[in-house]
C-alpha atoms as a PDB file:
ATOM      1  CA  MET A   1      -1.409 -23.827   9.660  1.00  0.00           C
ATOM      2  CA  THR A   2       1.812 -24.280  11.886  1.00  0.00           C
ATOM      3  CA  GLN A   3       3.119 -21.258  13.913  1.00  0.00           C
ATOM      4  CA  THR A   4       6.796 -20.830  13.350  1.00  0.00           C
ATOM      5  CA  PRO A   5       8.616 -17.366  14.210  1.00  0.00           C
ATOM      6  CA  SER A   6       8.698 -16.689  10.375  1.00  0.00           C
ATOM      7  CA  THR A   7       4.831 -17.428   9.858  1.00  0.00           C
ATOM      8  CA  ARG A   8       3.967 -14.940  13.096  1.00  0.00           C
ATOM      9  CA  VAL A   9       6.094 -12.410  11.289  1.00  0.00           C
ATOM     10  CA  ALA A  10       4.422 -12.657   7.905  1.00  0.00           C
ATOM     11  CA  TRP A  11       0.858 -12.578   9.455  1.00  0.00           C
ATOM     12  CA  ALA A  12       1.683  -9.407  11.313  1.00  0.00           C
ATOM     13  CA  LEU A  13       3.304  -7.621   8.658  1.00  0.00           C
ATOM     14  CA  ALA A  14       0.417  -8.922   5.998  1.00  0.00           C
ATOM     15  CA  THR A  15      -2.265  -7.836   8.365  1.00  0.00           C
ATOM     16  CA  TRP A  16      -0.176  -4.644   8.791  1.00  0.00           C
ATOM     17  CA  PHE A  17      -0.470  -5.474  12.472  1.00  0.00           C
ATOM     18  CA  GLY A  18      -3.991  -6.082  12.720  1.00  0.00           C
ATOM     19  CA  CYS A  19      -5.615  -3.722  10.451  1.00  0.00           C
ATOM     20  CA  GLY A  20      -6.485  -6.134   8.069  1.00  0.00           C
ATOM     21  CA  TYR A  21      -8.862  -7.993  10.915  1.00  0.00           C
ATOM     22  CA  SER A  22     -11.022  -4.626  10.463  1.00  0.00           C
ATOM     23  CA  PRO A  23     -14.592  -6.187  10.054  1.00  0.00           C
ATOM     24  CA  LEU A  24     -15.513  -2.786   7.949  1.00  0.00           C
ATOM     25  CA  ALA A  25     -13.245  -1.843   4.940  1.00  0.00           C
ATOM     26  CA  PRO A  26     -10.006  -3.783   5.886  1.00  0.00           C
ATOM     27  CA  GLY A  27      -8.167  -2.078   2.670  1.00  0.00           C
ATOM     28  CA  THR A  28      -8.996   1.387   3.884  1.00  0.00           C
ATOM     29  CA  ALA A  29      -8.188   0.211   7.452  1.00  0.00           C
ATOM     30  CA  GLY A  30      -4.713  -0.593   6.178  1.00  0.00           C
ATOM     31  CA  SER A  31      -4.409   2.402   4.391  1.00  0.00           C
ATOM     32  CA  LEU A  32      -4.948   4.716   7.468  1.00  0.00           C
ATOM     33  CA  GLY A  33      -2.425   2.100   9.320  1.00  0.00           C
ATOM     34  CA  ALA A  34       0.118   3.515   6.549  1.00  0.00           C
ATOM     35  CA  ILE A  35      -0.133   6.775   7.785  1.00  0.00           C
ATOM     36  CA  PRO A  36       2.132   6.855  10.970  1.00  0.00           C
ATOM     37  CA  LEU A  37       5.012   5.169   9.043  1.00  0.00           C
ATOM     38  CA  TYR A  38       4.606   7.713   6.327  1.00  0.00           C
ATOM     39  CA  LEU A  39       4.631  10.703   8.433  1.00  0.00           C
ATOM     40  CA  ALA A  40       8.036   9.167  10.143  1.00  0.00           C
ATOM     41  CA  VAL A  41       9.684   8.289   7.013  1.00  0.00           C
ATOM     42  CA  ALA A  42       8.640  11.494   5.362  1.00  0.00           C
ATOM     43  CA  GLN A  43      10.784  13.500   7.541  1.00  0.00           C
ATOM     44  CA  ALA A  44      13.755  12.066   5.157  1.00  0.00           C
ATOM     45  CA  GLY A  45      11.931  13.449   2.167  1.00  0.00           C
ATOM     46  CA  ARG A  46      11.219  11.237  -0.964  1.00  0.00           C
ATOM     47  CA  TRP A  47      14.106   9.381  -0.633  1.00  0.00           C
ATOM     48  CA  GLY A  48      12.997   8.228   2.999  1.00  0.00           C
ATOM     49  CA  VAL A  49       9.384   7.527   1.485  1.00  0.00           C
ATOM     50  CA  GLY A  50      10.786   5.690  -1.607  1.00  0.00           C
ATOM     51  CA  LEU A  51      13.018   3.555   0.746  1.00  0.00           C
ATOM     52  CA  ALA A  52      10.040   2.472   2.863  1.00  0.00           C
ATOM     53  CA  ALA A  53       7.724   1.975   0.004  1.00  0.00           C
ATOM     54  CA  ALA A  54      10.259  -0.408  -1.417  1.00  0.00           C
ATOM     55  CA  CYS A  55      10.829  -2.261   1.814  1.00  0.00           C
ATOM     56  CA  VAL A  56       7.245  -2.785   2.568  1.00  0.00           C
ATOM     57  CA  THR A  57       6.761  -3.880  -1.218  1.00  0.00           C
ATOM     58  CA  ALA A  58       9.395  -6.266  -0.723  1.00  0.00           C
ATOM     59  CA  GLY A  59       8.464  -7.468   2.643  1.00  0.00           C
ATOM     60  CA  GLY A  60       4.627  -7.229   1.356  1.00  0.00           C
ATOM     61  CA  VAL A  61       5.060  -9.686  -1.485  1.00  0.00           C
ATOM     62  CA  TRP A  62       6.804 -12.342   1.102  1.00  0.00           C
ATOM     63  CA  ALA A  63       4.184 -11.901   3.724  1.00  0.00           C
ATOM     64  CA  ALA A  64       0.999 -11.776   1.191  1.00  0.00           C
ATOM     65  CA  GLU A  65       2.249 -15.042  -0.256  1.00  0.00           C
ATOM     66  CA  ALA A  66       2.794 -16.800   3.244  1.00  0.00           C
ATOM     67  CA  VAL A  67      -0.573 -15.598   4.278  1.00  0.00           C
ATOM     68  CA  ALA A  68      -2.315 -16.384   0.841  1.00  0.00           C
ATOM     69  CA  ARG A  69      -0.760 -19.970   1.183  1.00  0.00           C
ATOM     70  CA  ASP A  70      -1.841 -20.638   4.833  1.00  0.00           C
ATOM     71  CA  LEU A  71      -5.411 -19.286   3.745  1.00  0.00           C
ATOM     72  CA  ARG A  72      -5.629 -21.183   0.446  1.00  0.00           C
ATOM     73  CA  LYS A  73      -6.861 -17.739  -1.112  1.00  0.00           C
ATOM     74  CA  LYS A  74      -5.684 -15.994  -4.035  1.00  0.00           C
ATOM     75  CA  ASP A  75      -6.058 -12.533  -2.286  1.00  0.00           C
ATOM     76  CA  PRO A  76      -7.403 -12.666   1.279  1.00  0.00           C
ATOM     77  CA  GLN A  77      -9.105  -9.479   2.435  1.00  0.00           C
ATOM     78  CA  VAL A  78      -7.131  -9.705   5.717  1.00  0.00           C
ATOM     79  CA  VAL A  79      -3.877  -9.072   3.779  1.00  0.00           C
ATOM     80  CA  VAL A  80      -3.641  -5.484   3.573  1.00  0.00           C
ATOM     81  CA  ILE A  81       0.397  -4.711   3.310  1.00  0.00           C
ATOM     82  CA  ASP A  82      -0.405  -4.122  -0.098  1.00  0.00           C
ATOM     83  CA  GLU A  83      -2.413  -0.930   0.689  1.00  0.00           C
ATOM     84  CA  VAL A  84       0.546   0.121   2.970  1.00  0.00           C
ATOM     85  CA  ALA A  85       3.213   0.065  -0.111  1.00  0.00           C
ATOM     86  CA  GLY A  86       0.453   1.683  -2.396  1.00  0.00           C
ATOM     87  CA  LEU A  87      -0.414   4.621  -0.455  1.00  0.00           C
ATOM     88  CA  LEU A  88       3.353   5.137   0.341  1.00  0.00           C
ATOM     89  CA  VAL A  89       3.961   5.173  -3.477  1.00  0.00           C
ATOM     90  CA  THR A  90       1.381   7.847  -4.021  1.00  0.00           C
ATOM     91  CA  MET A  91       2.474   9.913  -1.335  1.00  0.00           C
ATOM     92  CA  LEU A  92       5.861  10.149  -3.451  1.00  0.00           C
ATOM     93  CA  ALA A  93       4.256  12.971  -5.299  1.00  0.00           C
ATOM     94  CA  PHE A  94       4.447  15.778  -2.567  1.00  0.00           C
ATOM     95  CA  ASP A  95       7.419  17.472  -1.375  1.00  0.00           C
ATOM     96  CA  HIS A  96       6.285  17.948   1.985  1.00  0.00           C
ATOM     97  CA  VAL A  97       3.494  16.842   4.318  1.00  0.00           C
ATOM     98  CA  THR A  98       0.361  18.934   4.869  1.00  0.00           C
ATOM     99  CA  LEU A  99      -3.032  17.664   5.917  1.00  0.00           C
ATOM    100  CA  THR A 100      -4.283  18.356   2.528  1.00  0.00           C
ATOM    101  CA  SER A 101      -1.743  16.556   0.735  1.00  0.00           C
ATOM    102  CA  LEU A 102      -2.435  13.609   2.984  1.00  0.00           C
ATOM    103  CA  GLY A 103      -5.863  13.438   2.585  1.00  0.00           C
ATOM    104  CA  ALA A 104      -5.804  14.023  -1.423  1.00  0.00           C
ATOM    105  CA  GLY A 105      -2.985  11.115  -1.471  1.00  0.00           C
ATOM    106  CA  PHE A 106      -5.371   9.029   0.743  1.00  0.00           C
ATOM    107  CA  VAL A 107      -8.541   9.438  -1.317  1.00  0.00           C
ATOM    108  CA  VAL A 108      -6.700   9.487  -4.923  1.00  0.00           C
ATOM    109  CA  PHE A 109      -5.012   5.911  -3.758  1.00  0.00           C
ATOM    110  CA  ARG A 110      -8.211   4.350  -2.421  1.00  0.00           C
ATOM    111  CA  LEU A 111     -10.124   5.441  -5.758  1.00  0.00           C
ATOM    112  CA  LEU A 112      -7.510   3.688  -7.874  1.00  0.00           C
ATOM    113  CA  ASP A 113      -7.046   0.680  -5.777  1.00  0.00           C
ATOM    114  CA  ALA A 114     -10.828   0.379  -5.774  1.00  0.00           C
ATOM    115  CA  LEU A 115     -11.707   0.931  -9.680  1.00  0.00           C
ATOM    116  CA  LYS A 116      -8.330  -0.629 -10.707  1.00  0.00           C
ATOM    117  CA  PRO A 117      -8.354   1.087 -14.418  1.00  0.00           C
ATOM    118  CA  GLY A 118      -6.511  -0.431 -17.207  1.00  0.00           C
ATOM    119  CA  PRO A 119      -3.092  -1.566 -16.358  1.00  0.00           C
ATOM    120  CA  ILE A 120      -3.410  -1.797 -12.826  1.00  0.00           C
ATOM    121  CA  ARG A 121      -5.946  -4.377 -13.056  1.00  0.00           C
ATOM    122  CA  TRP A 122      -3.605  -6.674 -15.165  1.00  0.00           C
ATOM    123  CA  LEU A 123      -0.941  -6.392 -12.370  1.00  0.00           C
ATOM    124  CA  GLU A 124      -3.564  -8.347  -9.807  1.00  0.00           C
ATOM    125  CA  LYS A 125      -2.978 -11.318 -12.697  1.00  0.00           C
ATOM    126  CA  TRP A 126       0.709 -11.917 -11.406  1.00  0.00           C
ATOM    127  CA  PRO A 127       1.146 -15.039  -9.592  1.00  0.00           C
ATOM    128  CA  GLY A 128       1.042 -15.250  -5.603  1.00  0.00           C
ATOM    129  CA  GLY A 129       2.359 -12.339  -3.426  1.00  0.00           C
ATOM    130  CA  TRP A 130       3.707 -10.188  -6.392  1.00  0.00           C
ATOM    131  CA  GLY A 131      -0.336 -10.009  -7.806  1.00  0.00           C
ATOM    132  CA  ILE A 132      -1.497  -9.207  -4.502  1.00  0.00           C
ATOM    133  CA  VAL A 133       0.880  -6.141  -3.891  1.00  0.00           C
ATOM    134  CA  MET A 134       1.766  -4.849  -7.280  1.00  0.00           C
ATOM    135  CA  ASP A 135      -1.667  -3.714  -8.390  1.00  0.00           C
ATOM    136  CA  ASP A 136      -1.657  -1.458  -5.001  1.00  0.00           C
ATOM    137  CA  VAL A 137       1.927  -0.652  -6.074  1.00  0.00           C
ATOM    138  CA  GLY A 138       0.494   0.240  -9.573  1.00  0.00           C
ATOM    139  CA  ALA A 139      -2.309   2.191  -8.297  1.00  0.00           C
ATOM    140  CA  GLY A 140      -0.036   4.422  -6.161  1.00  0.00           C
ATOM    141  CA  ALA A 141       2.100   4.913  -9.342  1.00  0.00           C
ATOM    142  CA  VAL A 142      -0.718   6.246 -11.082  1.00  0.00           C
ATOM    143  CA  GLY A 143      -1.587   8.176  -8.126  1.00  0.00           C
ATOM    144  CA  ALA A 144       1.726   9.728  -7.726  1.00  0.00           C
ATOM    145  CA  ALA A 145       1.727  10.778 -11.255  1.00  0.00           C
ATOM    146  CA  LEU A 146      -1.836  12.448 -11.210  1.00  0.00           C
ATOM    147  CA  LEU A 147      -0.844  14.253  -7.947  1.00  0.00           C
ATOM    148  CA  PHE A 148       2.352  15.532  -8.911  1.00  0.00           C
ATOM    149  CA  THR A 149       1.064  16.827 -12.193  1.00  0.00           C
ATOM    150  CA  TRP A 150      -1.655  18.634 -10.157  1.00  0.00           C
ATOM    151  CA  THR A 151       0.832  20.232  -7.857  1.00  0.00           C
ATOM    152  CA  ARG A 152       2.938  21.391 -10.884  1.00  0.00           C
ATOM    153  CA  VAL A 153      -0.025  22.662 -13.131  1.00  0.00           C
ATOM    154  CA  VAL A 154      -2.272  23.764 -10.348  1.00  0.00           C
ATOM    155  CA  GLY A 155      -0.459  24.399  -7.444  1.00  0.00           C
ATOM    156  CA  PRO A 156       0.477  22.435  -3.842  1.00  0.00           C
ATOM    157  CA  PHE A 157      -2.064  20.941  -1.760  1.00  0.00           C
END
């Protein structure tokens, strides 16, 4: 693998600045690594979270593709930017940040990402970086819908 500035950026983003190197549960480490970004962009409300999710998703498709190509693997564990995008999408369910909403979003997203029910699993069949990232974005969308419905029916977290 040739180290170019572009390659270094792709690896930094794909591993979410090293979270993907966690020897234990790199996906969970990547999701935890998303929390500081979420807290920063949540100050701008749903628009800020949505814009961040879109940017991370777009950059994630590119970075995941580059790292997967370098490693010659379909979906390397070290790539965790997909978890960052997925958690941000999940957190779109909430009007404002609370410790409880953050915990609920994290748990719901991690469960959906691990179980990959129905259509979420189909998304990982997409080629390259799209398949790596979009199944987590799908899990985030399902999580957001579930949590949004919960807050409207049962009440806020």
